[in-house]
PDB file of N, CA and C in Angstrom:
ATOM      1  N   UNK A   1      12.073 -13.612   1.678  1.00  0.00           N
ATOM      2  CA  UNK A   1      11.727 -14.258   2.672  1.00  0.00           C
ATOM      3  C   UNK A   1      10.484 -14.364   2.896  1.00  0.00           C
ATOM      4  N   UNK A   2       9.442 -14.983   3.185  1.00  0.00           N
ATOM      5  CA  UNK A   2       8.210 -14.939   3.510  1.00  0.00           C
ATOM      6  C   UNK A   2       8.221 -15.643   5.304  1.00  0.00           C
ATOM      7  N   UNK A   3       7.548 -14.841   5.795  1.00  0.00           N
ATOM      8  CA  UNK A   3       7.010 -15.066   7.568  1.00  0.00           C
ATOM      9  C   UNK A   3       5.767 -15.834   7.290  1.00  0.00           C
ATOM     10  N   UNK A   4       5.932 -16.332   7.724  1.00  0.00           N
ATOM     11  CA  UNK A   4       3.984 -16.792   8.462  1.00  0.00           C
ATOM     12  C   UNK A   4       3.459 -15.824   9.498  1.00  0.00           C
ATOM     13  N   UNK A   5       2.052 -15.997   9.175  1.00  0.00           N
ATOM     14  CA  UNK A   5       1.536 -14.706  10.290  1.00  0.00           C
ATOM     15  C   UNK A   5       2.083 -14.642  11.681  1.00  0.00           C
ATOM     16  N   UNK A   6       2.279 -16.140  12.552  1.00  0.00           N
ATOM     17  CA  UNK A   6       3.075 -16.296  13.705  1.00  0.00           C
ATOM     18  C   UNK A   6       4.144 -15.147  13.671  1.00  0.00           C
ATOM     19  N   UNK A   7       4.749 -15.739  12.557  1.00  0.00           N
ATOM     20  CA  UNK A   7       6.846 -15.423  12.442  1.00  0.00           C
ATOM     21  C   UNK A   7       6.634 -13.590  12.171  1.00  0.00           C
ATOM     22  N   UNK A   8       4.895 -13.132  11.800  1.00  0.00           N
ATOM     23  CA  UNK A   8       4.970 -11.577  11.822  1.00  0.00           C
ATOM     24  C   UNK A   8       4.996 -10.878  12.682  1.00  0.00           C
ATOM     25  N   UNK A   9       3.883 -11.905  13.920  1.00  0.00           N
ATOM     26  CA  UNK A   9       3.590 -11.164  15.173  1.00  0.00           C
ATOM     27  C   UNK A   9       4.810 -10.919  15.384  1.00  0.00           C
ATOM     28  N   UNK A  10       5.696 -12.321  15.699  1.00  0.00           N
ATOM     29  CA  UNK A  10       6.728 -11.989  16.586  1.00  0.00           C
ATOM     30  C   UNK A  10       7.810 -10.845  16.156  1.00  0.00           C
ATOM     31  N   UNK A  11       7.863 -10.996  15.030  1.00  0.00           N
ATOM     32  CA  UNK A  11       8.831 -10.368  14.237  1.00  0.00           C
ATOM     33  C   UNK A  11       8.445  -8.559  14.824  1.00  0.00           C
ATOM     34  N   UNK A  12       7.368  -8.392  14.803  1.00  0.00           N
ATOM     35  CA  UNK A  12       6.625  -6.983  15.301  1.00  0.00           C
ATOM     36  C   UNK A  12       7.234  -6.859  16.558  1.00  0.00           C
ATOM     37  N   UNK A  13       6.903  -7.976  17.518  1.00  0.00           N
ATOM     38  CA  UNK A  13       7.233  -7.664  19.017  1.00  0.00           C
ATOM     39  C   UNK A  13       8.291  -7.424  19.772  1.00  0.00           C
ATOM     40  N   UNK A  14       9.477  -7.984  18.434  1.00  0.00           N
ATOM     41  CA  UNK A  14      10.559  -7.822  18.928  1.00  0.00           C
ATOM     42  C   UNK A  14      11.604  -6.919  18.086  1.00  0.00           C
ATOM     43  N   UNK A  15      10.652  -6.174  17.220  1.00  0.00           N
ATOM     44  CA  UNK A  15      11.312  -4.940  16.652  1.00  0.00           C
ATOM     45  C   UNK A  15      12.259  -5.165  15.710  1.00  0.00           C
ATOM     46  N   UNK A  16      11.972  -6.585  15.216  1.00  0.00           N
ATOM     47  CA  UNK A  16      12.756  -6.974  13.748  1.00  0.00           C
ATOM     48  C   UNK A  16      12.120  -5.800  12.715  1.00  0.00           C
ATOM     49  N   UNK A  17      10.776  -5.896  12.592  1.00  0.00           N
ATOM     50  CA  UNK A  17      10.239  -5.600  11.681  1.00  0.00           C
ATOM     51  C   UNK A  17       9.473  -4.614  12.493  1.00  0.00           C
ATOM     52  N   UNK A  18       9.212  -3.191  11.774  1.00  0.00           N
ATOM     53  CA  UNK A  18       8.795  -1.923  12.019  1.00  0.00           C
ATOM     54  C   UNK A  18       7.407  -1.525  11.213  1.00  0.00           C
ATOM     55  N   UNK A  19       6.355  -1.198  11.817  1.00  0.00           N
ATOM     56  CA  UNK A  19       5.558  -0.922  10.988  1.00  0.00           C
ATOM     57  C   UNK A  19       4.432   0.114  11.840  1.00  0.00           C
ATOM     58  N   UNK A  20       4.578   1.510  11.416  1.00  0.00           N
ATOM     59  CA  UNK A  20       3.848   2.737  12.079  1.00  0.00           C
ATOM     60  C   UNK A  20       2.587   2.926  11.440  1.00  0.00           C
ATOM     61  N   UNK A  21       1.338   2.732  11.940  1.00  0.00           N
ATOM     62  CA  UNK A  21       1.223   2.116  13.223  1.00  0.00           C
ATOM     63  C   UNK A  21       1.211   0.764  13.296  1.00  0.00           C
ATOM     64  N   UNK A  22       0.922  -0.324  14.031  1.00  0.00           N
ATOM     65  CA  UNK A  22       0.913  -1.462  13.759  1.00  0.00           C
ATOM     66  C   UNK A  22      -0.310  -2.380  13.420  1.00  0.00           C
ATOM     67  N   UNK A  23       0.048  -2.962  12.644  1.00  0.00           N
ATOM     68  CA  UNK A  23      -1.258  -3.513  11.787  1.00  0.00           C
ATOM     69  C   UNK A  23      -2.304  -4.143  13.118  1.00  0.00           C
ATOM     70  N   UNK A  24      -3.413  -4.465  13.181  1.00  0.00           N
ATOM     71  CA  UNK A  24      -4.364  -4.813  13.476  1.00  0.00           C
ATOM     72  C   UNK A  24      -4.225  -6.250  13.536  1.00  0.00           C
ATOM     73  N   UNK A  25      -4.170  -7.027  14.569  1.00  0.00           N
ATOM     74  CA  UNK A  25      -4.358  -8.879  13.970  1.00  0.00           C
ATOM     75  C   UNK A  25      -5.299  -9.352  13.106  1.00  0.00           C
ATOM     76  N   UNK A  26      -6.026  -8.631  12.781  1.00  0.00           N
ATOM     77  CA  UNK A  26      -6.724  -9.523  11.675  1.00  0.00           C
ATOM     78  C   UNK A  26      -6.539  -9.118  10.597  1.00  0.00           C
ATOM     79  N   UNK A  27      -5.732  -7.958  10.414  1.00  0.00           N
ATOM     80  CA  UNK A  27      -4.618  -7.941   9.153  1.00  0.00           C
ATOM     81  C   UNK A  27      -3.700  -8.366   8.816  1.00  0.00           C
ATOM     82  N   UNK A  28      -3.533  -9.041   9.570  1.00  0.00           N
ATOM     83  CA  UNK A  28      -1.960 -10.197   9.594  1.00  0.00           C
ATOM     84  C   UNK A  28      -2.789 -11.812   9.494  1.00  0.00           C
ATOM     85  N   UNK A  29      -2.243 -11.909   7.571  1.00  0.00           N
ATOM     86  CA  UNK A  29      -2.904 -13.570   7.461  1.00  0.00           C
ATOM     87  C   UNK A  29      -2.078 -14.648   6.559  1.00  0.00           C
ATOM     88  N   UNK A  30      -1.418 -15.175   7.001  1.00  0.00           N
ATOM     89  CA  UNK A  30      -1.038 -16.207   6.326  1.00  0.00           C
ATOM     90  C   UNK A  30       0.529 -15.499   6.058  1.00  0.00           C
ATOM     91  N   UNK A  31       0.728 -15.068   4.861  1.00  0.00           N
ATOM     92  CA  UNK A  31       2.172 -15.035   4.997  1.00  0.00           C
ATOM     93  C   UNK A  31       2.037 -13.239   4.295  1.00  0.00           C
ATOM     94  N   UNK A  32       0.871 -12.409   4.592  1.00  0.00           N
ATOM     95  CA  UNK A  32       0.694 -11.247   4.236  1.00  0.00           C
ATOM     96  C   UNK A  32       0.080 -10.294   4.797  1.00  0.00           C
ATOM     97  N   UNK A  33      -0.207  -9.070   5.127  1.00  0.00           N
ATOM     98  CA  UNK A  33       0.108  -7.804   6.312  1.00  0.00           C
ATOM     99  C   UNK A  33      -1.032  -6.655   5.301  1.00  0.00           C
ATOM    100  N   UNK A  34      -2.707  -6.573   5.555  1.00  0.00           N
ATOM    101  CA  UNK A  34      -3.001  -5.893   4.737  1.00  0.00           C
ATOM    102  C   UNK A  34      -2.908  -4.575   5.552  1.00  0.00           C
ATOM    103  N   UNK A  35      -2.583  -3.826   4.277  1.00  0.00           N
ATOM    104  CA  UNK A  35      -2.531  -2.471   4.579  1.00  0.00           C
ATOM    105  C   UNK A  35      -3.253  -1.129   4.178  1.00  0.00           C
ATOM    106  N   UNK A  36      -3.244  -0.249   5.105  1.00  0.00           N
ATOM    107  CA  UNK A  36      -3.938   1.121   4.647  1.00  0.00           C
ATOM    108  C   UNK A  36      -3.710   2.118   4.378  1.00  0.00           C
ATOM    109  N   UNK A  37      -2.790   2.573   3.295  1.00  0.00           N
ATOM    110  CA  UNK A  37      -1.990   3.577   3.224  1.00  0.00           C
ATOM    111  C   UNK A  37      -2.394   5.305   3.041  1.00  0.00           C
ATOM    112  N   UNK A  38      -3.614   5.167   3.055  1.00  0.00           N
ATOM    113  CA  UNK A  38      -4.764   6.729   3.190  1.00  0.00           C
ATOM    114  C   UNK A  38      -5.824   6.204   2.419  1.00  0.00           C
ATOM    115  N   UNK A  39      -5.988   7.941   2.613  1.00  0.00           N
ATOM    116  CA  UNK A  39      -7.827   7.825   1.838  1.00  0.00           C
ATOM    117  C   UNK A  39      -7.408   8.925   0.226  1.00  0.00           C
ATOM    118  N   UNK A  40      -6.284   8.798  -0.461  1.00  0.00           N
ATOM    119  CA  UNK A  40      -6.192   8.942  -1.737  1.00  0.00           C
ATOM    120  C   UNK A  40      -5.452   8.445  -2.383  1.00  0.00           C
ATOM    121  N   UNK A  41      -5.726   8.397  -3.662  1.00  0.00           N
ATOM    122  CA  UNK A  41      -4.751   6.958  -4.785  1.00  0.00           C
ATOM    123  C   UNK A  41      -5.281   8.497  -6.215  1.00  0.00           C
ATOM    124  N   UNK A  42      -4.360   8.007  -7.022  1.00  0.00           N
ATOM    125  CA  UNK A  42      -3.986   8.385  -8.411  1.00  0.00           C
ATOM    126  C   UNK A  42      -4.890   7.474  -9.716  1.00  0.00           C
ATOM    127  N   UNK A  43      -5.195   8.175 -10.046  1.00  0.00           N
ATOM    128  CA  UNK A  43      -5.861   7.530 -11.876  1.00  0.00           C
ATOM    129  C   UNK A  43      -5.037   8.336 -12.478  1.00  0.00           C
ATOM    130  N   UNK A  44      -4.504   7.473 -13.456  1.00  0.00           N
ATOM    131  CA  UNK A  44      -3.733   7.844 -14.752  1.00  0.00           C
ATOM    132  C   UNK A  44      -4.653   7.227 -16.133  1.00  0.00           C
ATOM    133  N   UNK A  45      -4.636   8.567 -16.553  1.00  0.00           N
ATOM    134  CA  UNK A  45      -5.510   8.779 -17.261  1.00  0.00           C
ATOM    135  C   UNK A  45      -5.976   8.045 -18.946  1.00  0.00           C
ATOM    136  N   UNK A  46      -4.369   7.440 -19.050  1.00  0.00           N
ATOM    137  CA  UNK A  46      -3.932   6.515 -20.496  1.00  0.00           C
ATOM    138  C   UNK A  46      -3.618   5.207 -19.272  1.00  0.00           C
ATOM    139  N   UNK A  47      -4.435   4.738 -18.861  1.00  0.00           N
ATOM    140  CA  UNK A  47      -4.678   3.956 -18.489  1.00  0.00           C
ATOM    141  C   UNK A  47      -4.705   2.038 -19.292  1.00  0.00           C
ATOM    142  N   UNK A  48      -4.721   2.625 -20.551  1.00  0.00           N
ATOM    143  CA  UNK A  48      -4.481   1.507 -21.434  1.00  0.00           C
ATOM    144  C   UNK A  48      -3.333   1.173 -21.895  1.00  0.00           C
ATOM    145  N   UNK A  49      -2.178   1.769 -21.439  1.00  0.00           N
ATOM    146  CA  UNK A  49      -0.947   1.581 -22.092  1.00  0.00           C
ATOM    147  C   UNK A  49      -0.412   0.451 -20.882  1.00  0.00           C
ATOM    148  N   UNK A  50       0.596   0.063 -21.546  1.00  0.00           N
ATOM    149  CA  UNK A  50       0.927  -0.970 -21.121  1.00  0.00           C
ATOM    150  C   UNK A  50       1.984  -0.849 -19.993  1.00  0.00           C
ATOM    151  N   UNK A  51       2.789   0.773 -20.064  1.00  0.00           N
ATOM    152  CA  UNK A  51       3.569   1.075 -19.018  1.00  0.00           C
ATOM    153  C   UNK A  51       3.580   2.172 -18.795  1.00  0.00           C
ATOM    154  N   UNK A  52       3.589   2.847 -17.540  1.00  0.00           N
ATOM    155  CA  UNK A  52       3.880   4.611 -17.877  1.00  0.00           C
ATOM    156  C   UNK A  52       5.316   4.567 -17.111  1.00  0.00           C
ATOM    157  N   UNK A  53       5.920   5.875 -18.344  1.00  0.00           N
ATOM    158  CA  UNK A  53       6.920   5.940 -18.376  1.00  0.00           C
ATOM    159  C   UNK A  53       7.003   7.596 -18.131  1.00  0.00           C
ATOM    160  N   UNK A  54       7.643   7.618 -16.566  1.00  0.00           N
ATOM    161  CA  UNK A  54       7.708   9.335 -16.081  1.00  0.00           C
ATOM    162  C   UNK A  54       8.839  10.035 -16.845  1.00  0.00           C
ATOM    163  N   UNK A  55       9.667   9.421 -17.197  1.00  0.00           N
ATOM    164  CA  UNK A  55      11.039  10.196 -17.353  1.00  0.00           C
ATOM    165  C   UNK A  55      11.382  10.518 -18.895  1.00  0.00           C
ATOM    166  N   UNK A  56      11.439  12.178 -18.470  1.00  0.00           N
ATOM    167  CA  UNK A  56      11.457  12.837 -20.113  1.00  0.00           C
ATOM    168  C   UNK A  56      10.159  13.559 -20.777  1.00  0.00           C
ATOM    169  N   UNK A  57       9.460  13.355 -19.826  1.00  0.00           N
ATOM    170  CA  UNK A  57       7.792  13.664 -20.494  1.00  0.00           C
ATOM    171  C   UNK A  57       7.108  14.848 -19.490  1.00  0.00           C
ATOM    172  N   UNK A  58       6.412  15.427 -19.877  1.00  0.00           N
ATOM    173  CA  UNK A  58       5.710  16.207 -18.716  1.00  0.00           C
ATOM    174  C   UNK A  58       4.663  15.516 -18.641  1.00  0.00           C
ATOM    175  N   UNK A  59       4.766  15.628 -17.047  1.00  0.00           N
ATOM    176  CA  UNK A  59       3.944  14.808 -16.344  1.00  0.00           C
ATOM    177  C   UNK A  59       2.264  15.891 -16.036  1.00  0.00           C
ATOM    178  N   UNK A  60       2.185  16.599 -16.397  1.00  0.00           N
ATOM    179  CA  UNK A  60       0.992  17.636 -16.752  1.00  0.00           C
ATOM    180  C   UNK A  60      -0.089  16.994 -17.177  1.00  0.00           C
ATOM    181  N   UNK A  61      -1.401  16.769 -16.616  1.00  0.00           N
ATOM    182  CA  UNK A  61      -2.368  16.137 -17.554  1.00  0.00           C
ATOM    183  C   UNK A  61      -2.180  14.857 -17.477  1.00  0.00           C
ATOM    184  N   UNK A  62      -1.287  14.271 -16.885  1.00  0.00           N
ATOM    185  CA  UNK A  62      -1.191  12.577 -16.771  1.00  0.00           C
ATOM    186  C   UNK A  62      -2.057  12.236 -15.953  1.00  0.00           C
ATOM    187  N   UNK A  63      -2.171  13.008 -14.586  1.00  0.00           N
ATOM    188  CA  UNK A  63      -2.485  12.005 -13.967  1.00  0.00           C
ATOM    189  C   UNK A  63      -3.403  12.808 -12.998  1.00  0.00           C
ATOM    190  N   UNK A  64      -4.569  12.341 -12.094  1.00  0.00           N
ATOM    191  CA  UNK A  64      -5.985  13.069 -11.411  1.00  0.00           C
ATOM    192  C   UNK A  64      -5.473  12.529 -10.335  1.00  0.00           C
ATOM    193  N   UNK A  65      -6.126  13.221  -9.233  1.00  0.00           N
ATOM    194  CA  UNK A  65      -5.584  13.315  -7.671  1.00  0.00           C
ATOM    195  C   UNK A  65      -7.507  12.944  -7.223  1.00  0.00           C
ATOM    196  N   UNK A  66      -7.173  12.018  -6.567  1.00  0.00           N
ATOM    197  CA  UNK A  66      -8.464  11.568  -6.578  1.00  0.00           C
ATOM    198  C   UNK A  66      -9.253  11.255  -5.190  1.00  0.00           C
ATOM    199  N   UNK A  67      -9.946  12.526  -4.097  1.00  0.00           N
ATOM    200  CA  UNK A  67     -10.066  11.660  -2.675  1.00  0.00           C
ATOM    201  C   UNK A  67     -11.436  11.201  -2.768  1.00  0.00           C
ATOM    202  N   UNK A  68     -10.941  10.387  -1.577  1.00  0.00           N
ATOM    203  CA  UNK A  68     -12.098   9.405  -1.189  1.00  0.00           C
ATOM    204  C   UNK A  68     -12.347   8.851   0.230  1.00  0.00           C
ATOM    205  N   UNK A  69     -13.574   9.349   0.815  1.00  0.00           N
ATOM    206  CA  UNK A  69     -13.591   8.819   2.172  1.00  0.00           C
ATOM    207  C   UNK A  69     -13.823   7.299   2.212  1.00  0.00           C
ATOM    208  N   UNK A  70     -13.054   6.755   2.956  1.00  0.00           N
ATOM    209  CA  UNK A  70     -13.367   5.248   3.473  1.00  0.00           C
ATOM    210  C   UNK A  70     -14.123   5.123   4.461  1.00  0.00           C
ATOM    211  N   UNK A  71     -15.209   4.043   4.746  1.00  0.00           N
ATOM    212  CA  UNK A  71     -15.770   3.892   4.875  1.00  0.00           C
ATOM    213  C   UNK A  71     -15.891   3.417   6.521  1.00  0.00           C
ATOM    214  N   UNK A  72     -14.834   2.424   6.323  1.00  0.00           N
ATOM    215  CA  UNK A  72     -14.272   1.297   6.970  1.00  0.00           C
ATOM    216  C   UNK A  72     -13.052   1.797   8.379  1.00  0.00           C
ATOM    217  N   UNK A  73     -12.965   3.247   8.062  1.00  0.00           N
ATOM    218  CA  UNK A  73     -11.888   3.529   8.841  1.00  0.00           C
ATOM    219  C   UNK A  73     -12.604   4.958  10.328  1.00  0.00           C
TER     220      UNK A  73
END
């Protein structure tokens, strides 16, 4: 189900949808909400693989956690 920006705002207002913290109005556009999840992300070293299957393998050395300071927060 897709909600319009007005329906997203209404859904947040009446508690049908809960996002903590609530996104700023400028983050709600069309049928989407731009979210910021944090200031860290993972980079997989073998990024040329068609998929990453973590079942049954050692994940040591597979990923690197990268810290990044956001300039806009």
